[in-house]
Amino acid sequence: MNSIKYIQDALSDLDEQVQTILLDWGIPLNEKDNLMLPILQQKKVLIQTLEDLTYLKENPPTPNQPCGISKYRDDL
């Protein structure tokens, strides 16, 4: 699945952005928090999407059946 690779690449890019913000001594701590919050929110959504796609790749649904992905999630 190409989408899994794209999500992995996006997660790597977000990690780099977070590291850049953390290593910039010119940014005050509270501003770092404000800058990183949307990045970390995006990362959380991408991680969940990656987990879902990986699950579906490993456990494809049968034809005409719901995928049942919500059954394996812990956070629901």
N, C-alpha and C. Protein backbone atom coordinates (compact mmCIF):
# COMPACT_ATOMS: atom_id res chain seq x y z
N MET A 1 0.84 -1.19 0.00
CA MET A 1 0.00 0.00 0.00
C MET A 1 0.88 1.25 0.00
N ASN A 2 0.67 2.07 -1.00
CA ASN A 2 1.44 3.31 -1.07
C ASN A 2 1.08 4.27 0.05
N SER A 3 -0.17 4.23 0.50
CA SER A 3 -0.60 5.16 1.54
C SER A 3 0.17 4.93 2.84
N ILE A 4 0.53 3.70 3.15
CA ILE A 4 1.31 3.42 4.35
C ILE A 4 2.67 4.09 4.25
N LYS A 5 3.30 4.00 3.09
CA LYS A 5 4.61 4.64 2.90
C LYS A 5 4.49 6.16 3.03
N TYR A 6 3.45 6.74 2.46
CA TYR A 6 3.27 8.19 2.55
C TYR A 6 3.05 8.63 3.99
N ILE A 7 2.31 7.86 4.73
CA ILE A 7 2.07 8.21 6.14
C ILE A 7 3.36 8.09 6.93
N GLN A 8 4.15 7.05 6.68
CA GLN A 8 5.43 6.91 7.37
C GLN A 8 6.36 8.08 7.05
N ASP A 9 6.37 8.50 5.79
CA ASP A 9 7.18 9.66 5.40
C ASP A 9 6.69 10.93 6.09
N ALA A 10 5.39 11.09 6.18
CA ALA A 10 4.82 12.27 6.84
C ALA A 10 5.16 12.27 8.32
N LEU A 11 5.13 11.10 8.95
CA LEU A 11 5.50 11.01 10.37
C LEU A 11 6.97 11.38 10.57
N SER A 12 7.83 10.94 9.67
CA SER A 12 9.24 11.31 9.75
C SER A 12 9.43 12.82 9.62
N ASP A 13 8.69 13.42 8.70
CA ASP A 13 8.76 14.87 8.52
C ASP A 13 8.30 15.61 9.76
N LEU A 14 7.22 15.12 10.38
CA LEU A 14 6.73 15.76 11.60
C LEU A 14 7.73 15.62 12.74
N ASP A 15 8.39 14.47 12.83
CA ASP A 15 9.42 14.28 13.85
C ASP A 15 10.56 15.28 13.66
N GLU A 16 10.94 15.50 12.41
CA GLU A 16 12.00 16.47 12.11
C GLU A 16 11.57 17.88 12.52
N GLN A 17 10.31 18.24 12.26
CA GLN A 17 9.82 19.56 12.64
C GLN A 17 9.85 19.73 14.16
N VAL A 18 9.44 18.70 14.88
CA VAL A 18 9.45 18.77 16.35
C VAL A 18 10.88 18.93 16.85
N GLN A 19 11.81 18.16 16.29
CA GLN A 19 13.21 18.26 16.71
C GLN A 19 13.78 19.65 16.42
N THR A 20 13.43 20.22 15.28
CA THR A 20 13.89 21.56 14.93
C THR A 20 13.40 22.58 15.95
N ILE A 21 12.14 22.47 16.34
CA ILE A 21 11.57 23.39 17.33
C ILE A 21 12.24 23.18 18.68
N LEU A 22 12.42 21.94 19.09
CA LEU A 22 13.03 21.66 20.40
C LEU A 22 14.46 22.14 20.49
N LEU A 23 15.19 22.06 19.41
CA LEU A 23 16.61 22.43 19.43
C LEU A 23 16.86 23.91 19.20
N ASP A 24 15.82 24.66 18.88
CA ASP A 24 15.97 26.11 18.66
C ASP A 24 15.92 26.83 20.01
N TRP A 25 17.08 27.28 20.46
CA TRP A 25 17.18 27.94 21.78
C TRP A 25 16.57 29.34 21.77
N GLY A 26 16.29 29.88 20.61
CA GLY A 26 15.74 31.22 20.51
C GLY A 26 14.23 31.28 20.74
N ILE A 27 13.60 30.13 20.84
CA ILE A 27 12.14 30.09 21.02
C ILE A 27 11.85 29.83 22.50
N PRO A 28 11.05 30.69 23.13
CA PRO A 28 10.67 30.45 24.54
C PRO A 28 9.87 29.15 24.67
N LEU A 29 9.92 28.55 25.85
CA LEU A 29 9.28 27.26 26.07
C LEU A 29 7.78 27.28 25.80
N ASN A 30 7.09 28.32 26.24
CA ASN A 30 5.64 28.36 26.01
C ASN A 30 5.31 28.49 24.53
N GLU A 31 6.16 29.18 23.79
CA GLU A 31 5.94 29.29 22.35
C GLU A 31 6.24 27.96 21.66
N LYS A 32 7.24 27.23 22.17
CA LYS A 32 7.53 25.89 21.63
C LYS A 32 6.30 24.99 21.80
N ASP A 33 5.68 25.07 22.98
CA ASP A 33 4.48 24.27 23.21
C ASP A 33 3.39 24.61 22.20
N ASN A 34 3.20 25.91 21.97
CA ASN A 34 2.17 26.36 21.03
C ASN A 34 2.49 25.93 19.60
N LEU A 35 3.76 25.90 19.25
CA LEU A 35 4.15 25.49 17.90
C LEU A 35 4.04 23.98 17.71
N MET A 36 4.34 23.24 18.77
CA MET A 36 4.35 21.78 18.65
C MET A 36 2.97 21.14 18.79
N LEU A 37 2.04 21.81 19.46
CA LEU A 37 0.72 21.21 19.68
C LEU A 37 0.04 20.77 18.39
N PRO A 38 -0.09 21.64 17.37
CA PRO A 38 -0.75 21.16 16.14
C PRO A 38 0.03 20.06 15.43
N ILE A 39 1.36 20.10 15.54
CA ILE A 39 2.18 19.05 14.92
C ILE A 39 1.93 17.72 15.61
N LEU A 40 1.89 17.74 16.93
CA LEU A 40 1.67 16.50 17.67
C LEU A 40 0.24 15.97 17.48
N GLN A 41 -0.72 16.87 17.29
CA GLN A 41 -2.08 16.44 16.99
C GLN A 41 -2.13 15.74 15.63
N GLN A 42 -1.45 16.32 14.65
CA GLN A 42 -1.39 15.70 13.33
C GLN A 42 -0.72 14.33 13.42
N LYS A 43 0.34 14.28 14.22
CA LYS A 43 1.07 13.03 14.37
C LYS A 43 0.18 11.95 14.99
N LYS A 44 -0.63 12.32 15.97
CA LYS A 44 -1.52 11.36 16.61
C LYS A 44 -2.52 10.79 15.60
N VAL A 45 -3.07 11.65 14.77
CA VAL A 45 -4.03 11.20 13.75
C VAL A 45 -3.34 10.30 12.73
N LEU A 46 -2.14 10.67 12.32
CA LEU A 46 -1.42 9.85 11.34
C LEU A 46 -1.03 8.50 11.92
N ILE A 47 -0.64 8.46 13.19
CA ILE A 47 -0.30 7.18 13.82
C ILE A 47 -1.52 6.27 13.86
N GLN A 48 -2.67 6.82 14.23
CA GLN A 48 -3.90 6.01 14.28
C GLN A 48 -4.27 5.52 12.88
N THR A 49 -4.12 6.38 11.89
CA THR A 49 -4.42 5.98 10.51
C THR A 49 -3.47 4.88 10.05
N LEU A 50 -2.19 5.02 10.40
CA LEU A 50 -1.21 4.00 10.04
C LEU A 50 -1.55 2.67 10.70
N GLU A 51 -1.91 2.71 11.97
CA GLU A 51 -2.30 1.48 12.66
C GLU A 51 -3.53 0.85 12.00
N ASP A 52 -4.50 1.67 11.64
CA ASP A 52 -5.72 1.16 11.00
C ASP A 52 -5.40 0.52 9.65
N LEU A 53 -4.58 1.21 8.84
CA LEU A 53 -4.25 0.66 7.52
C LEU A 53 -3.42 -0.61 7.64
N THR A 54 -2.53 -0.65 8.61
CA THR A 54 -1.72 -1.85 8.82
C THR A 54 -2.61 -3.01 9.24
N TYR A 55 -3.56 -2.72 10.13
CA TYR A 55 -4.50 -3.76 10.56
C TYR A 55 -5.30 -4.29 9.36
N LEU A 56 -5.80 -3.38 8.53
CA LEU A 56 -6.59 -3.80 7.37
C LEU A 56 -5.76 -4.56 6.35
N LYS A 57 -4.49 -4.18 6.23
CA LYS A 57 -3.62 -4.90 5.32
C LYS A 57 -3.39 -6.33 5.80
N GLU A 58 -3.20 -6.47 7.12
CA GLU A 58 -2.94 -7.79 7.69
C GLU A 58 -4.22 -8.61 7.86
N ASN A 59 -5.37 -7.94 8.01
CA ASN A 59 -6.65 -8.60 8.23
C ASN A 59 -7.70 -8.05 7.28
N PRO A 60 -7.59 -8.34 6.00
CA PRO A 60 -8.55 -7.76 5.05
C PRO A 60 -9.96 -8.26 5.33
N PRO A 61 -10.94 -7.37 5.20
CA PRO A 61 -12.33 -7.80 5.44
C PRO A 61 -12.80 -8.72 4.32
N THR A 62 -13.73 -9.58 4.66
CA THR A 62 -14.32 -10.44 3.63
C THR A 62 -15.29 -9.59 2.81
N PRO A 63 -15.57 -10.00 1.60
CA PRO A 63 -16.49 -9.22 0.76
C PRO A 63 -17.87 -9.04 1.43
N ASN A 64 -18.42 -7.86 1.27
CA ASN A 64 -19.75 -7.51 1.79
C ASN A 64 -19.85 -7.59 3.31
N GLN A 65 -18.74 -7.44 3.99
CA GLN A 65 -18.73 -7.43 5.45
C GLN A 65 -18.07 -6.14 5.92
N PRO A 66 -18.51 -5.58 7.06
CA PRO A 66 -17.83 -4.41 7.61
C PRO A 66 -16.41 -4.79 8.02
N CYS A 67 -15.53 -3.83 7.99
CA CYS A 67 -14.13 -4.14 8.25
C CYS A 67 -13.88 -4.49 9.72
N GLY A 68 -14.70 -3.98 10.64
CA GLY A 68 -14.55 -4.32 12.05
C GLY A 68 -13.33 -3.71 12.71
N ILE A 69 -12.81 -2.64 12.13
CA ILE A 69 -11.57 -2.06 12.67
C ILE A 69 -11.77 -1.49 14.07
N SER A 70 -12.96 -1.03 14.37
CA SER A 70 -13.18 -0.44 15.69
C SER A 70 -13.10 -1.47 16.80
N LYS A 71 -13.21 -2.73 16.47
CA LYS A 71 -13.16 -3.78 17.49
C LYS A 71 -11.78 -3.93 18.09
N TYR A 72 -10.73 -3.63 17.33
CA TYR A 72 -9.39 -3.84 17.86
C TYR A 72 -8.82 -2.60 18.55
N ARG A 73 -9.42 -1.45 18.35
CA ARG A 73 -8.93 -0.22 18.97
C ARG A 73 -9.17 -0.22 20.47
N ASP A 74 -8.20 0.29 21.20
CA ASP A 74 -8.32 0.37 22.65
C ASP A 74 -9.00 1.64 23.11
N ASP A 75 -8.91 2.72 22.33
CA ASP A 75 -9.35 4.03 22.79
C ASP A 75 -10.83 4.31 22.57
N LEU A 76 -11.59 3.39 22.01
CA LEU A 76 -12.99 3.68 21.74
C LEU A 76 -13.87 3.35 22.88
